[in-house]
PDB file of all heavy atoms in Angstrom:
ATOM      1  N   ARG A   1     -15.788   6.676   0.391  1.00  0.00           N
ATOM      2  CA  ARG A   1     -15.476   5.524  -0.454  1.00  0.00           C
ATOM      3  C   ARG A   1     -14.272   4.783   0.127  1.00  0.00           C
ATOM      4  O   ARG A   1     -13.341   5.372   0.593  1.00  0.00           O
ATOM      5  CB  ARG A   1     -15.131   6.069  -1.873  1.00  0.00           C
ATOM      6  CG  ARG A   1     -14.551   5.019  -2.807  1.00  0.00           C
ATOM      7  CD  ARG A   1     -14.337   5.591  -4.200  1.00  0.00           C
ATOM      8  NE  ARG A   1     -15.629   5.834  -4.816  1.00  0.00           N
ATOM      9  CZ  ARG A   1     -15.866   6.856  -5.633  1.00  0.00           C
ATOM     10  NH1 ARG A   1     -14.949   7.767  -5.886  1.00  0.00           N
ATOM     11  NH2 ARG A   1     -17.073   6.987  -6.150  1.00  0.00           N
ATOM     12  N   GLN A   2     -14.381   3.466   0.052  1.00  0.00           N
ATOM     13  CA  GLN A   2     -13.280   2.632   0.505  1.00  0.00           C
ATOM     14  C   GLN A   2     -12.387   2.298  -0.716  1.00  0.00           C
ATOM     15  O   GLN A   2     -12.873   2.060  -1.800  1.00  0.00           O
ATOM     16  CB  GLN A   2     -13.803   1.332   1.097  1.00  0.00           C
ATOM     17  CG  GLN A   2     -14.713   1.520   2.304  1.00  0.00           C
ATOM     18  CD  GLN A   2     -13.970   1.898   3.554  1.00  0.00           C
ATOM     19  OE1 GLN A   2     -12.812   1.527   3.734  1.00  0.00           O
ATOM     20  NE2 GLN A   2     -14.608   2.667   4.417  1.00  0.00           N
ATOM     21  N   VAL A   3     -11.074   2.297  -0.468  1.00  0.00           N
ATOM     22  CA  VAL A   3     -10.137   1.963  -1.550  1.00  0.00           C
ATOM     23  C   VAL A   3      -9.183   0.892  -1.000  1.00  0.00           C
ATOM     24  O   VAL A   3      -8.624   1.024   0.076  1.00  0.00           O
ATOM     25  CB  VAL A   3      -9.330   3.173  -2.012  1.00  0.00           C
ATOM     26  CG1 VAL A   3      -8.409   2.786  -3.177  1.00  0.00           C
ATOM     27  CG2 VAL A   3     -10.261   4.299  -2.490  1.00  0.00           C
ATOM     28  N   VAL A   4      -9.023  -0.192  -1.789  1.00  0.00           N
ATOM     29  CA  VAL A   4      -8.242  -1.356  -1.393  1.00  0.00           C
ATOM     30  C   VAL A   4      -7.170  -1.627  -2.434  1.00  0.00           C
ATOM     31  O   VAL A   4      -7.477  -1.657  -3.619  1.00  0.00           O
ATOM     32  CB  VAL A   4      -9.121  -2.603  -1.205  1.00  0.00           C
ATOM     33  CG1 VAL A   4      -8.269  -3.797  -0.702  1.00  0.00           C
ATOM     34  CG2 VAL A   4     -10.266  -2.345  -0.264  1.00  0.00           C
ATOM     35  N   ALA A   5      -5.921  -1.828  -2.001  1.00  0.00           N
ATOM     36  CA  ALA A   5      -4.860  -2.251  -2.885  1.00  0.00           C
ATOM     37  C   ALA A   5      -4.495  -3.685  -2.539  1.00  0.00           C
ATOM     38  O   ALA A   5      -4.239  -3.969  -1.348  1.00  0.00           O
ATOM     39  CB  ALA A   5      -3.661  -1.369  -2.764  1.00  0.00           C
ATOM     40  N   VAL A   6      -4.527  -4.611  -3.495  1.00  0.00           N
ATOM     41  CA  VAL A   6      -4.157  -6.011  -3.241  1.00  0.00           C
ATOM     42  C   VAL A   6      -2.778  -6.227  -3.898  1.00  0.00           C
ATOM     43  O   VAL A   6      -2.668  -6.171  -5.128  1.00  0.00           O
ATOM     44  CB  VAL A   6      -5.184  -6.969  -3.827  1.00  0.00           C
ATOM     45  CG1 VAL A   6      -4.808  -8.404  -3.480  1.00  0.00           C
ATOM     46  CG2 VAL A   6      -6.582  -6.645  -3.326  1.00  0.00           C
ATOM     47  N   ILE A   7      -1.793  -6.531  -3.092  1.00  0.00           N
ATOM     48  CA  ILE A   7      -0.427  -6.673  -3.631  1.00  0.00           C
ATOM     49  C   ILE A   7       0.224  -7.961  -3.059  1.00  0.00           C
ATOM     50  O   ILE A   7       0.055  -8.282  -1.901  1.00  0.00           O
ATOM     51  CB  ILE A   7       0.435  -5.450  -3.271  1.00  0.00           C
ATOM     52  CG1 ILE A   7       1.833  -5.511  -3.893  1.00  0.00           C
ATOM     53  CG2 ILE A   7       0.518  -5.219  -1.769  1.00  0.00           C
ATOM     54  CD1 ILE A   7       2.602  -4.201  -3.834  1.00  0.00           C
ATOM     55  N   GLY A   8       0.904  -8.671  -3.941  1.00  0.00           N
ATOM     56  CA  GLY A   8       1.591  -9.906  -3.535  1.00  0.00           C
ATOM     57  C   GLY A   8       2.909  -9.609  -2.840  1.00  0.00           C
ATOM     58  O   GLY A   8       3.496  -8.506  -2.972  1.00  0.00           O
ATOM     59  N   ASP A   9       3.425 -10.594  -2.110  1.00  0.00           N
ATOM     60  CA  ASP A   9       4.732 -10.393  -1.429  1.00  0.00           C
ATOM     61  C   ASP A   9       5.845 -10.222  -2.410  1.00  0.00           C
ATOM     62  O   ASP A   9       6.814  -9.536  -2.135  1.00  0.00           O
ATOM     63  CB  ASP A   9       4.993 -11.556  -0.474  1.00  0.00           C
ATOM     64  CG  ASP A   9       4.970 -12.913  -1.130  1.00  0.00           C
ATOM     65  OD1 ASP A   9       3.990 -13.204  -1.867  1.00  0.00           O
ATOM     66  OD2 ASP A   9       5.898 -13.697  -0.928  1.00  0.00           O
ATOM     67  N   GLY A  10       5.740 -10.847  -3.614  1.00  0.00           N
ATOM     68  CA  GLY A  10       6.747 -10.651  -4.649  1.00  0.00           C
ATOM     69  C   GLY A  10       6.747  -9.219  -5.128  1.00  0.00           C
ATOM     70  O   GLY A  10       7.789  -8.572  -5.265  1.00  0.00           O
ATOM     71  N   SER A  11       5.557  -8.670  -5.397  1.00  0.00           N
ATOM     72  CA  SER A  11       5.451  -7.298  -5.880  1.00  0.00           C
ATOM     73  C   SER A  11       5.870  -6.297  -4.814  1.00  0.00           C
ATOM     74  O   SER A  11       6.314  -5.181  -5.128  1.00  0.00           O
ATOM     75  CB  SER A  11       4.024  -7.010  -6.306  1.00  0.00           C
ATOM     76  OG  SER A  11       3.649  -7.766  -7.444  1.00  0.00           O
ATOM     77  N   MET A  12       5.737  -6.652  -3.566  1.00  0.00           N
ATOM     78  CA  MET A  12       6.138  -5.755  -2.463  1.00  0.00           C
ATOM     79  C   MET A  12       7.640  -5.501  -2.454  1.00  0.00           C
ATOM     80  O   MET A  12       8.078  -4.512  -1.818  1.00  0.00           O
ATOM     81  CB  MET A  12       5.656  -6.333  -1.110  1.00  0.00           C
ATOM     82  CG  MET A  12       5.771  -5.374   0.025  1.00  0.00           C
ATOM     83  SD  MET A  12       4.670  -3.950  -0.049  1.00  0.00           S
ATOM     84  CE  MET A  12       3.185  -4.582   0.714  1.00  0.00           C
ATOM     85  N   THR A  13       8.415  -6.297  -3.158  1.00  0.00           N
ATOM     86  CA  THR A  13       9.879  -6.044  -3.186  1.00  0.00           C
ATOM     87  C   THR A  13      10.193  -4.895  -4.117  1.00  0.00           C
ATOM     88  O   THR A  13      11.338  -4.388  -4.129  1.00  0.00           O
ATOM     89  CB  THR A  13      10.634  -7.296  -3.664  1.00  0.00           C
ATOM     90  OG1 THR A  13      10.236  -7.620  -4.986  1.00  0.00           O
ATOM     91  CG2 THR A  13      10.377  -8.467  -2.754  1.00  0.00           C
ATOM     92  N   GLY A  14       9.280  -4.448  -4.962  1.00  0.00           N
ATOM     93  CA  GLY A  14       9.548  -3.341  -5.885  1.00  0.00           C
ATOM     94  C   GLY A  14       9.596  -1.992  -5.165  1.00  0.00           C
ATOM     95  O   GLY A  14       8.845  -1.746  -4.245  1.00  0.00           O
ATOM     96  N   GLY A  15      10.534  -1.187  -5.606  1.00  0.00           N
ATOM     97  CA  GLY A  15      10.707   0.115  -4.959  1.00  0.00           C
ATOM     98  C   GLY A  15       9.466   0.984  -4.968  1.00  0.00           C
ATOM     99  O   GLY A  15       9.200   1.726  -4.015  1.00  0.00           O
ATOM    100  N   LEU A  16       8.660   0.898  -6.063  1.00  0.00           N
ATOM    101  CA  LEU A  16       7.473   1.711  -6.144  1.00  0.00           C
ATOM    102  C   LEU A  16       6.473   1.427  -5.024  1.00  0.00           C
ATOM    103  O   LEU A  16       5.792   2.275  -4.534  1.00  0.00           O
ATOM    104  CB  LEU A  16       6.797   1.545  -7.510  1.00  0.00           C
ATOM    105  CG  LEU A  16       5.561   2.390  -7.809  1.00  0.00           C
ATOM    106  CD1 LEU A  16       5.917   3.878  -7.756  1.00  0.00           C
ATOM    107  CD2 LEU A  16       4.978   2.025  -9.165  1.00  0.00           C
ATOM    108  N   ALA A  17       6.421   0.129  -4.589  1.00  0.00           N
ATOM    109  CA  ALA A  17       5.543  -0.234  -3.517  1.00  0.00           C
ATOM    110  C   ALA A  17       5.918   0.481  -2.231  1.00  0.00           C
ATOM    111  O   ALA A  17       5.068   0.965  -1.475  1.00  0.00           O
ATOM    112  CB  ALA A  17       5.586  -1.764  -3.292  1.00  0.00           C
ATOM    113  N   PHE A  18       7.230   0.587  -1.968  1.00  0.00           N
ATOM    114  CA  PHE A  18       7.671   1.275  -0.758  1.00  0.00           C
ATOM    115  C   PHE A  18       7.496   2.793  -0.870  1.00  0.00           C
ATOM    116  O   PHE A  18       7.202   3.445   0.135  1.00  0.00           O
ATOM    117  CB  PHE A  18       9.112   0.923  -0.452  1.00  0.00           C
ATOM    118  CG  PHE A  18       9.321  -0.426   0.127  1.00  0.00           C
ATOM    119  CD1 PHE A  18       9.542  -1.517  -0.669  1.00  0.00           C
ATOM    120  CD2 PHE A  18       9.209  -0.630   1.500  1.00  0.00           C
ATOM    121  CE1 PHE A  18       9.688  -2.784  -0.133  1.00  0.00           C
ATOM    122  CE2 PHE A  18       9.347  -1.879   2.064  1.00  0.00           C
ATOM    123  CZ  PHE A  18       9.570  -2.994   1.234  1.00  0.00           C
ATOM    124  N   GLU A  19       7.630   3.320  -2.090  1.00  0.00           N
ATOM    125  CA  GLU A  19       7.352   4.747  -2.270  1.00  0.00           C
ATOM    126  C   GLU A  19       5.898   5.050  -1.948  1.00  0.00           C
ATOM    127  O   GLU A  19       5.565   6.046  -1.307  1.00  0.00           O
ATOM    128  CB  GLU A  19       7.681   5.162  -3.698  1.00  0.00           C
ATOM    129  CG  GLU A  19       9.161   5.102  -4.030  1.00  0.00           C
ATOM    130  CD  GLU A  19       9.462   5.374  -5.503  1.00  0.00           C
ATOM    131  OE1 GLU A  19       8.641   6.006  -6.160  1.00  0.00           O
ATOM    132  OE2 GLU A  19      10.522   4.880  -5.991  1.00  0.00           O
ATOM    133  N   GLY A  20       4.975   4.146  -2.385  1.00  0.00           N
ATOM    134  CA  GLY A  20       3.583   4.338  -2.083  1.00  0.00           C
ATOM    135  C   GLY A  20       3.281   4.215  -0.610  1.00  0.00           C
ATOM    136  O   GLY A  20       2.535   5.013  -0.041  1.00  0.00           O
ATOM    137  N   LEU A  21       3.876   3.216   0.067  1.00  0.00           N
ATOM    138  CA  LEU A  21       3.679   3.035   1.515  1.00  0.00           C
ATOM    139  C   LEU A  21       4.174   4.287   2.271  1.00  0.00           C
ATOM    140  O   LEU A  21       3.528   4.767   3.191  1.00  0.00           O
ATOM    141  CB  LEU A  21       4.428   1.798   2.006  1.00  0.00           C
ATOM    142  CG  LEU A  21       3.829   0.446   1.654  1.00  0.00           C
ATOM    143  CD1 LEU A  21       4.841  -0.655   2.019  1.00  0.00           C
ATOM    144  CD2 LEU A  21       2.514   0.191   2.361  1.00  0.00           C
ATOM    145  N   ASN A  22       5.339   4.774   1.876  1.00  0.00           N
ATOM    146  CA  ASN A  22       5.928   5.908   2.546  1.00  0.00           C
ATOM    147  C   ASN A  22       5.036   7.130   2.448  1.00  0.00           C
ATOM    148  O   ASN A  22       4.788   7.831   3.436  1.00  0.00           O
ATOM    149  CB  ASN A  22       7.301   6.193   1.958  1.00  0.00           C
ATOM    150  CG  ASN A  22       8.017   7.401   2.581  1.00  0.00           C
ATOM    151  OD1 ASN A  22       8.274   7.428   3.752  1.00  0.00           O
ATOM    152  ND2 ASN A  22       8.244   8.415   1.751  1.00  0.00           N
ATOM    153  N   ASN A  23       4.522   7.430   1.249  1.00  0.00           N
ATOM    154  CA  ASN A  23       3.683   8.565   1.067  1.00  0.00           C
ATOM    155  C   ASN A  23       2.355   8.418   1.716  1.00  0.00           C
ATOM    156  O   ASN A  23       1.825   9.331   2.410  1.00  0.00           O
ATOM    157  CB  ASN A  23       3.530   8.808  -0.466  1.00  0.00           C
ATOM    158  CG  ASN A  23       2.903  10.122  -0.813  1.00  0.00           C
ATOM    159  OD1 ASN A  23       2.325  10.285  -1.843  1.00  0.00           O
ATOM    160  ND2 ASN A  23       2.946  11.097   0.093  1.00  0.00           N
ATOM    161  N   ALA A  24       1.718   7.243   1.584  1.00  0.00           N
ATOM    162  CA  ALA A  24       0.397   7.020   2.136  1.00  0.00           C
ATOM    163  C   ALA A  24       0.423   7.021   3.681  1.00  0.00           C
ATOM    164  O   ALA A  24      -0.480   7.495   4.317  1.00  0.00           O
ATOM    165  CB  ALA A  24      -0.174   5.706   1.618  1.00  0.00           C
ATOM    166  N   GLY A  25       1.509   6.492   4.224  1.00  0.00           N
ATOM    167  CA  GLY A  25       1.634   6.436   5.672  1.00  0.00           C
ATOM    168  C   GLY A  25       1.679   7.793   6.339  1.00  0.00           C
ATOM    169  O   GLY A  25       1.339   7.956   7.509  1.00  0.00           O
ATOM    170  N   ALA A  26       2.119   8.819   5.582  1.00  0.00           N
ATOM    171  CA  ALA A  26       2.176  10.166   6.105  1.00  0.00           C
ATOM    172  C   ALA A  26       0.846  10.880   6.067  1.00  0.00           C
ATOM    173  O   ALA A  26       0.686  11.951   6.600  1.00  0.00           O
ATOM    174  CB  ALA A  26       3.200  10.991   5.340  1.00  0.00           C
ATOM    175  N   SER A  27      -0.170  10.248   5.436  1.00  0.00           N
ATOM    176  CA  SER A  27      -1.486  10.841   5.306  1.00  0.00           C
ATOM    177  C   SER A  27      -2.436  10.068   6.204  1.00  0.00           C
ATOM    178  O   SER A  27      -3.187   9.193   5.780  1.00  0.00           O
ATOM    179  CB  SER A  27      -1.955  10.768   3.847  1.00  0.00           C
ATOM    180  OG  SER A  27      -3.187  11.487   3.685  1.00  0.00           O
ATOM    181  N   LYS A  28      -2.452  10.384   7.516  1.00  0.00           N
ATOM    182  CA  LYS A  28      -3.110   9.581   8.524  1.00  0.00           C
ATOM    183  C   LYS A  28      -4.624   9.591   8.413  1.00  0.00           C
ATOM    184  O   LYS A  28      -5.268   8.695   8.968  1.00  0.00           O
ATOM    185  CB  LYS A  28      -2.668  10.054   9.885  1.00  0.00           C
ATOM    186  CG  LYS A  28      -1.212   9.849  10.181  1.00  0.00           C
ATOM    187  CD  LYS A  28      -0.815  10.249  11.609  1.00  0.00           C
ATOM    188  CE  LYS A  28       0.635  10.021  11.868  1.00  0.00           C
ATOM    189  NZ  LYS A  28       1.036  10.401  13.263  1.00  0.00           N
ATOM    190  N   GLN A  29      -5.234  10.571   7.717  1.00  0.00           N
ATOM    191  CA  GLN A  29      -6.655  10.637   7.635  1.00  0.00           C
ATOM    192  C   GLN A  29      -7.223   9.997   6.366  1.00  0.00           C
ATOM    193  O   GLN A  29      -8.434   9.892   6.200  1.00  0.00           O
ATOM    194  CB  GLN A  29      -7.120  12.101   7.708  1.00  0.00           C
ATOM    195  CG  GLN A  29      -6.676  12.822   8.958  1.00  0.00           C
ATOM    196  CD  GLN A  29      -7.089  12.095  10.231  1.00  0.00           C
ATOM    197  OE1 GLN A  29      -8.207  11.632  10.383  1.00  0.00           O
ATOM    198  NE2 GLN A  29      -6.123  11.963  11.179  1.00  0.00           N
ATOM    199  N   THR A  30      -6.340   9.583   5.442  1.00  0.00           N
ATOM    200  CA  THR A  30      -6.796   9.011   4.169  1.00  0.00           C
ATOM    201  C   THR A  30      -7.080   7.540   4.323  1.00  0.00           C
ATOM    202  O   THR A  30      -6.196   6.799   4.734  1.00  0.00           O
ATOM    203  CB  THR A  30      -5.760   9.245   3.073  1.00  0.00           C
ATOM    204  OG1 THR A  30      -5.457  10.666   2.972  1.00  0.00           O
ATOM    205  CG2 THR A  30      -6.273   8.779   1.727  1.00  0.00           C
ATOM    206  N   ASN A  31      -8.311   7.137   4.001  1.00  0.00           N
ATOM    207  CA  ASN A  31      -8.693   5.743   4.188  1.00  0.00           C
ATOM    208  C   ASN A  31      -8.146   4.879   3.066  1.00  0.00           C
ATOM    209  O   ASN A  31      -8.553   4.978   1.896  1.00  0.00           O
ATOM    210  CB  ASN A  31     -10.235   5.611   4.209  1.00  0.00           C
ATOM    211  CG  ASN A  31     -10.804   6.139   5.506  1.00  0.00           C
ATOM    212  OD1 ASN A  31     -10.196   6.114   6.539  1.00  0.00           O
ATOM    213  ND2 ASN A  31     -12.002   6.690   5.407  1.00  0.00           N
ATOM    214  N   LEU A  32      -7.172   4.033   3.390  1.00  0.00           N
ATOM    215  CA  LEU A  32      -6.575   3.123   2.414  1.00  0.00           C
ATOM    216  C   LEU A  32      -6.274   1.798   3.097  1.00  0.00           C
ATOM    217  O   LEU A  32      -5.684   1.780   4.171  1.00  0.00           O
ATOM    218  CB  LEU A  32      -5.242   3.721   1.859  1.00  0.00           C
ATOM    219  CG  LEU A  32      -4.419   2.792   0.965  1.00  0.00           C
ATOM    220  CD1 LEU A  32      -5.152   2.498  -0.334  1.00  0.00           C
ATOM    221  CD2 LEU A  32      -3.065   3.414   0.688  1.00  0.00           C
ATOM    222  N   LEU A  33      -6.755   0.739   2.511  1.00  0.00           N
ATOM    223  CA  LEU A  33      -6.447  -0.618   2.981  1.00  0.00           C
ATOM    224  C   LEU A  33      -5.532  -1.302   1.987  1.00  0.00           C
ATOM    225  O   LEU A  33      -5.873  -1.445   0.807  1.00  0.00           O
ATOM    226  CB  LEU A  33      -7.742  -1.406   3.165  1.00  0.00           C
ATOM    227  CG  LEU A  33      -7.572  -2.917   3.458  1.00  0.00           C
ATOM    228  CD1 LEU A  33      -6.803  -3.151   4.761  1.00  0.00           C
ATOM    229  CD2 LEU A  33      -8.918  -3.625   3.499  1.00  0.00           C
ATOM    230  N   VAL A  34      -4.359  -1.719   2.451  1.00  0.00           N
ATOM    231  CA  VAL A  34      -3.440  -2.532   1.640  1.00  0.00           C
ATOM    232  C   VAL A  34      -3.548  -3.991   2.107  1.00  0.00           C
ATOM    233  O   VAL A  34      -3.434  -4.259   3.291  1.00  0.00           O
ATOM    234  CB  VAL A  34      -1.983  -2.037   1.799  1.00  0.00           C
ATOM    235  CG1 VAL A  34      -1.031  -2.970   1.069  1.00  0.00           C
ATOM    236  CG2 VAL A  34      -1.850  -0.618   1.251  1.00  0.00           C
ATOM    237  N   ILE A  35      -3.867  -4.872   1.175  1.00  0.00           N
ATOM    238  CA  ILE A  35      -3.879  -6.296   1.499  1.00  0.00           C
ATOM    239  C   ILE A  35      -2.620  -6.938   0.927  1.00  0.00           C
ATOM    240  O   ILE A  35      -2.410  -6.928  -0.295  1.00  0.00           O
ATOM    241  CB  ILE A  35      -5.152  -6.962   0.932  1.00  0.00           C
ATOM    242  CG1 ILE A  35      -6.385  -6.393   1.643  1.00  0.00           C
ATOM    243  CG2 ILE A  35      -5.087  -8.498   1.148  1.00  0.00           C
ATOM    244  CD1 ILE A  35      -7.685  -7.013   1.134  1.00  0.00           C
ATOM    245  N   LEU A  36      -1.790  -7.436   1.813  1.00  0.00           N
ATOM    246  CA  LEU A  36      -0.558  -8.143   1.424  1.00  0.00           C
ATOM    247  C   LEU A  36      -0.879  -9.620   1.223  1.00  0.00           C
ATOM    248  O   LEU A  36      -1.042 -10.359   2.215  1.00  0.00           O
ATOM    249  CB  LEU A  36       0.523  -7.907   2.445  1.00  0.00           C
ATOM    250  CG  LEU A  36       1.863  -8.674   2.251  1.00  0.00           C
ATOM    251  CD1 LEU A  36       2.451  -8.384   0.903  1.00  0.00           C
ATOM    252  CD2 LEU A  36       2.809  -8.376   3.350  1.00  0.00           C
ATOM    253  N   ASN A  37      -1.019 -10.041  -0.016  1.00  0.00           N
ATOM    254  CA  ASN A  37      -1.331 -11.427  -0.340  1.00  0.00           C
ATOM    255  C   ASN A  37      -0.022 -12.207  -0.382  1.00  0.00           C
ATOM    256  O   ASN A  37       0.688 -12.224  -1.392  1.00  0.00           O
ATOM    257  CB  ASN A  37      -2.066 -11.492  -1.665  1.00  0.00           C
ATOM    258  CG  ASN A  37      -2.449 -12.918  -2.030  1.00  0.00           C
ATOM    259  OD1 ASN A  37      -2.433 -13.808  -1.192  1.00  0.00           O
ATOM    260  ND2 ASN A  37      -2.811 -13.138  -3.287  1.00  0.00           N
ATOM    261  N   ASP A  38       0.312 -12.850   0.712  1.00  0.00           N
ATOM    262  CA  ASP A  38       1.637 -13.439   0.926  1.00  0.00           C
ATOM    263  C   ASP A  38       1.572 -14.965   0.694  1.00  0.00           C
ATOM    264  O   ASP A  38       1.035 -15.725   1.470  1.00  0.00           O
ATOM    265  CB  ASP A  38       2.057 -13.155   2.369  1.00  0.00           C
ATOM    266  CG  ASP A  38       3.449 -13.627   2.688  1.00  0.00           C
ATOM    267  OD1 ASP A  38       4.096 -14.248   1.822  1.00  0.00           O
ATOM    268  OD2 ASP A  38       3.901 -13.418   3.867  1.00  0.00           O
TER     269      ASP A  38
END
């Protein structure tokens, strides 16, 4: 299954967004696409 997160550049300033990036980036085999709608 493909999973996509669509997040705006304004929302990317929130700490929770970075917590998610930090955790997901450490899981190199998990398929996740983040779309930064800037």
